[in-house]
Amino acid sequence: MDQNIFQLSAYDAVHRLIEQDSNWASVAVEYATNLNAGFFGESFQDIIYQQGYETRVSVYDALGFGLIHTMICSKKIVVLEIPLPRVANPNSAVAENRAMLAELPHPFRAEYFGSAADADGHVRWEKKITVPTSEDSVVEILPFQIPLEVGTTNVWTTWGHLRYHGGVARVPYRSRSLSLLFSLDLT
């Protein structure tokens, strides 16, 4: 499988991080062990990244997941779940995925292209939305557009979208939800 620019940059950063402090290697191994054991729950893991069934988690994936997981726990990334009428189809089923995404509630709209270069499409909303950050706190997200990733995606693509686009919309395979992840540091 070809590696994208986000992955290549991440691999370099992970190597430098471990060279500077070897404790990061044990953190990566611990996260990889927990991910391979399903510790975080399949549905939560899948919104951050989703790989093939037989694929083991690499130390690169583990550190990327750990980074995003930590940002979610510290409320630097918030997640809004939107129910879908059915599960996503393979990327090649463009018409079916477009029909499913056409049923998003107002104010959300999606365009689906399939396996495009940078994303499978995008999700936008044309009025301010409110996202809960805790039991007694919310954040308002202004009208915006973020990349859409349907099905499998690697953790560094998710990170790249969060970092450079301020968010990502995820529809993992087997999920009946569209998960919008917003980076509060960047939006």
Protein backbone atom coordinates (compact mmCIF):
# COMPACT_ATOMS: atom_id res chain seq x y z
CA MET A 1 0.00 0.00 0.00
CA ASP A 2 1.30 3.46 -0.84
CA GLN A 3 2.10 5.77 2.03
CA ASN A 4 0.77 9.30 2.02
CA ILE A 5 2.66 12.42 3.09
CA PHE A 6 1.04 12.34 6.54
CA GLN A 7 2.36 8.81 7.14
CA LEU A 8 5.85 9.57 5.88
CA SER A 9 6.11 12.68 8.06
CA ALA A 10 4.79 10.77 11.07
CA TYR A 11 7.30 7.96 10.63
CA ASP A 12 10.15 10.49 10.64
CA ALA A 13 8.72 12.22 13.73
CA VAL A 14 8.28 8.91 15.58
CA HIS A 15 11.89 7.92 14.84
CA ARG A 16 13.16 11.27 16.13
CA LEU A 17 10.95 11.04 19.23
CA ILE A 18 12.23 7.57 20.14
CA GLU A 19 15.84 8.60 19.42
CA GLN A 20 15.45 11.54 21.85
CA ASP A 21 13.70 9.54 24.58
CA SER A 22 13.56 5.75 24.40
CA ASN A 23 10.60 5.69 26.84
CA TRP A 24 8.38 6.54 23.85
CA ALA A 25 9.10 3.04 22.50
CA SER A 26 7.47 1.47 25.58
CA VAL A 27 4.51 3.85 25.27
CA ALA A 28 4.09 2.78 21.64
CA VAL A 29 4.28 -0.92 22.55
CA GLU A 30 1.72 -0.47 25.36
CA TYR A 31 -0.72 1.34 23.05
CA ALA A 32 -0.18 -1.27 20.30
CA THR A 33 -0.83 -4.11 22.77
CA ASN A 34 -4.02 -2.42 24.02
CA LEU A 35 -5.25 -1.67 20.50
CA ASN A 36 -4.61 -5.22 19.30
CA ALA A 37 -6.54 -6.51 22.35
CA GLY A 38 -9.52 -4.19 21.67
CA PHE A 39 -9.01 -2.29 24.93
CA PHE A 40 -10.47 0.99 23.63
CA GLY A 41 -13.50 -0.61 22.00
CA GLU A 42 -13.85 -1.24 18.29
CA SER A 43 -16.29 1.61 17.59
CA PHE A 44 -14.07 4.21 19.31
CA GLN A 45 -10.91 2.94 17.66
CA ASP A 46 -12.59 2.87 14.26
CA ILE A 47 -13.48 6.57 14.30
CA ILE A 48 -9.80 7.40 14.74
CA TYR A 49 -8.61 4.86 12.21
CA GLN A 50 -9.72 1.57 10.76
CA GLN A 51 -7.55 -1.03 9.10
CA GLY A 52 -8.14 -4.46 7.63
CA TYR A 53 -9.29 -7.29 9.88
CA GLU A 54 -6.03 -9.23 9.91
CA THR A 55 -3.70 -6.24 10.25
CA ARG A 56 -1.73 -5.83 13.47
CA VAL A 57 -1.20 -2.35 14.91
CA SER A 58 2.26 -0.91 14.27
CA VAL A 59 4.14 1.31 16.73
CA TYR A 60 3.50 4.20 14.32
CA ASP A 61 -0.25 3.61 14.38
CA ALA A 62 -0.15 3.16 18.15
CA LEU A 63 1.58 6.49 18.79
CA GLY A 64 -0.75 8.26 16.36
CA PHE A 65 -3.78 6.74 18.08
CA GLY A 66 -2.30 7.72 21.47
CA LEU A 67 -1.86 11.30 20.32
CA ILE A 68 -5.45 11.63 19.11
CA HIS A 69 -6.84 9.69 22.10
CA THR A 70 -5.02 12.02 24.51
CA MET A 71 -6.38 15.08 22.68
CA ILE A 72 -9.93 13.71 22.88
CA CYS A 73 -9.54 12.97 26.62
CA SER A 74 -8.18 16.48 27.23
CA LYS A 75 -11.03 18.05 25.18
CA LYS A 76 -8.69 19.42 22.50
CA ILE A 77 -10.67 17.30 20.04
CA VAL A 78 -14.43 16.88 20.39
CA VAL A 79 -16.62 14.32 18.66
CA LEU A 80 -20.19 14.70 17.43
CA GLU A 81 -22.06 11.54 16.41
CA ILE A 82 -24.78 11.77 13.75
CA PRO A 83 -26.94 8.65 13.18
CA LEU A 84 -27.02 7.21 9.67
CA PRO A 85 -29.89 5.21 8.13
CA ARG A 86 -27.58 2.26 7.31
CA VAL A 87 -23.94 1.19 7.26
CA ALA A 88 -21.46 2.42 4.66
CA ASN A 89 -20.78 0.47 1.50
CA PRO A 90 -17.33 -0.11 -0.01
CA ASN A 91 -15.71 2.99 -1.54
CA SER A 92 -16.47 1.70 -5.02
CA ALA A 93 -20.26 1.82 -4.29
CA VAL A 94 -20.36 5.54 -4.97
CA ALA A 95 -24.09 5.80 -5.76
CA GLU A 96 -25.10 3.87 -2.62
CA ASN A 97 -22.84 5.91 -0.31
CA ARG A 98 -24.06 9.15 -1.89
CA ALA A 99 -27.68 8.08 -1.29
CA MET A 100 -26.93 7.23 2.36
CA LEU A 101 -25.15 10.54 2.99
CA ALA A 102 -27.94 12.46 1.25
CA GLU A 103 -30.11 11.56 4.24
CA LEU A 104 -28.01 13.52 6.75
CA PRO A 105 -30.12 15.79 8.96
CA HIS A 106 -30.12 19.56 8.47
CA PRO A 107 -27.77 21.50 8.55
CA PHE A 108 -25.33 18.81 7.37
CA ARG A 109 -24.56 18.07 3.74
CA ALA A 110 -22.03 15.65 2.27
CA GLU A 111 -20.40 15.11 -1.07
CA TYR A 112 -18.95 11.68 -1.69
CA PHE A 113 -16.43 10.97 -4.43
CA GLY A 114 -15.12 7.55 -3.41
CA SER A 115 -11.40 6.91 -3.28
CA ALA A 116 -10.22 10.42 -4.04
CA ALA A 117 -6.62 11.51 -3.55
CA ASP A 118 -6.89 13.38 -0.25
CA ALA A 119 -10.29 12.27 1.05
CA ASP A 120 -13.42 10.36 0.04
CA GLY A 121 -15.43 13.60 0.00
CA HIS A 122 -16.39 16.29 2.47
CA VAL A 123 -19.08 17.23 4.98
CA ARG A 124 -20.25 20.79 5.51
CA TRP A 125 -22.82 22.68 7.52
CA GLU A 126 -24.14 26.14 6.84
CA LYS A 127 -25.13 27.24 10.32
CA LYS A 128 -23.45 27.16 13.71
CA ILE A 129 -23.61 23.78 15.48
CA THR A 130 -23.29 23.02 19.19
CA VAL A 131 -21.10 20.14 20.33
CA PRO A 132 -21.14 18.91 23.94
CA THR A 133 -17.68 18.72 25.50
CA SER A 134 -18.81 17.43 28.91
CA GLU A 135 -21.97 17.12 30.97
CA ASP A 136 -22.22 20.86 31.52
CA SER A 137 -20.18 22.38 28.70
CA VAL A 138 -20.59 22.89 24.96
CA VAL A 139 -18.61 24.45 22.16
CA GLU A 140 -20.05 26.16 19.12
CA ILE A 141 -18.56 25.31 15.73
CA LEU A 142 -19.06 27.89 13.01
CA PRO A 143 -20.16 26.89 9.49
CA PHE A 144 -17.35 24.95 7.94
CA GLN A 145 -16.35 22.05 5.69
CA ILE A 146 -14.16 19.08 6.66
CA PRO A 147 -12.80 16.06 4.76
CA LEU A 148 -14.83 12.84 4.77
CA GLU A 149 -13.24 9.41 5.17
CA VAL A 150 -15.43 6.33 4.65
CA GLY A 151 -14.31 2.83 5.65
CA THR A 152 -10.68 2.12 6.30
CA THR A 153 -8.24 4.95 6.87
CA ASN A 154 -4.90 5.21 8.59
CA VAL A 155 -4.37 7.12 11.81
CA TRP A 156 -2.02 9.62 10.19
CA THR A 157 -4.60 10.60 7.57
CA THR A 158 -7.00 11.32 10.45
CA TRP A 159 -4.28 13.32 12.19
CA GLY A 160 -3.46 15.22 9.00
CA HIS A 161 -7.11 16.20 8.49
CA LEU A 162 -7.40 17.31 12.13
CA ARG A 163 -4.18 19.29 11.93
CA TYR A 164 -4.54 20.89 8.52
CA HIS A 165 -8.32 21.06 8.06
CA GLY A 166 -9.47 21.44 11.67
CA GLY A 167 -11.54 18.26 11.58
CA VAL A 168 -12.52 15.08 9.83
CA ALA A 169 -15.81 13.26 9.24
CA ARG A 170 -15.55 9.47 9.67
CA VAL A 171 -17.88 6.68 8.64
CA PRO A 172 -16.13 3.43 9.57
CA TYR A 173 -17.30 0.21 7.94
CA ARG A 174 -20.01 -1.50 10.05
CA SER A 175 -20.93 1.83 11.69
CA ARG A 176 -24.34 3.47 11.59
CA SER A 177 -22.90 6.84 12.61
CA LEU A 178 -21.10 9.71 10.98
CA SER A 179 -18.51 10.89 13.51
CA LEU A 180 -17.38 14.49 13.22
CA LEU A 181 -14.06 15.12 14.96
CA PHE A 182 -13.16 18.75 15.56
CA SER A 183 -9.78 20.05 16.69
CA LEU A 184 -10.56 22.90 19.07
CA ASP A 185 -6.95 24.08 18.88
CA LEU A 186 -7.41 24.79 15.18
CA THR A 187 -11.06 25.68 14.53
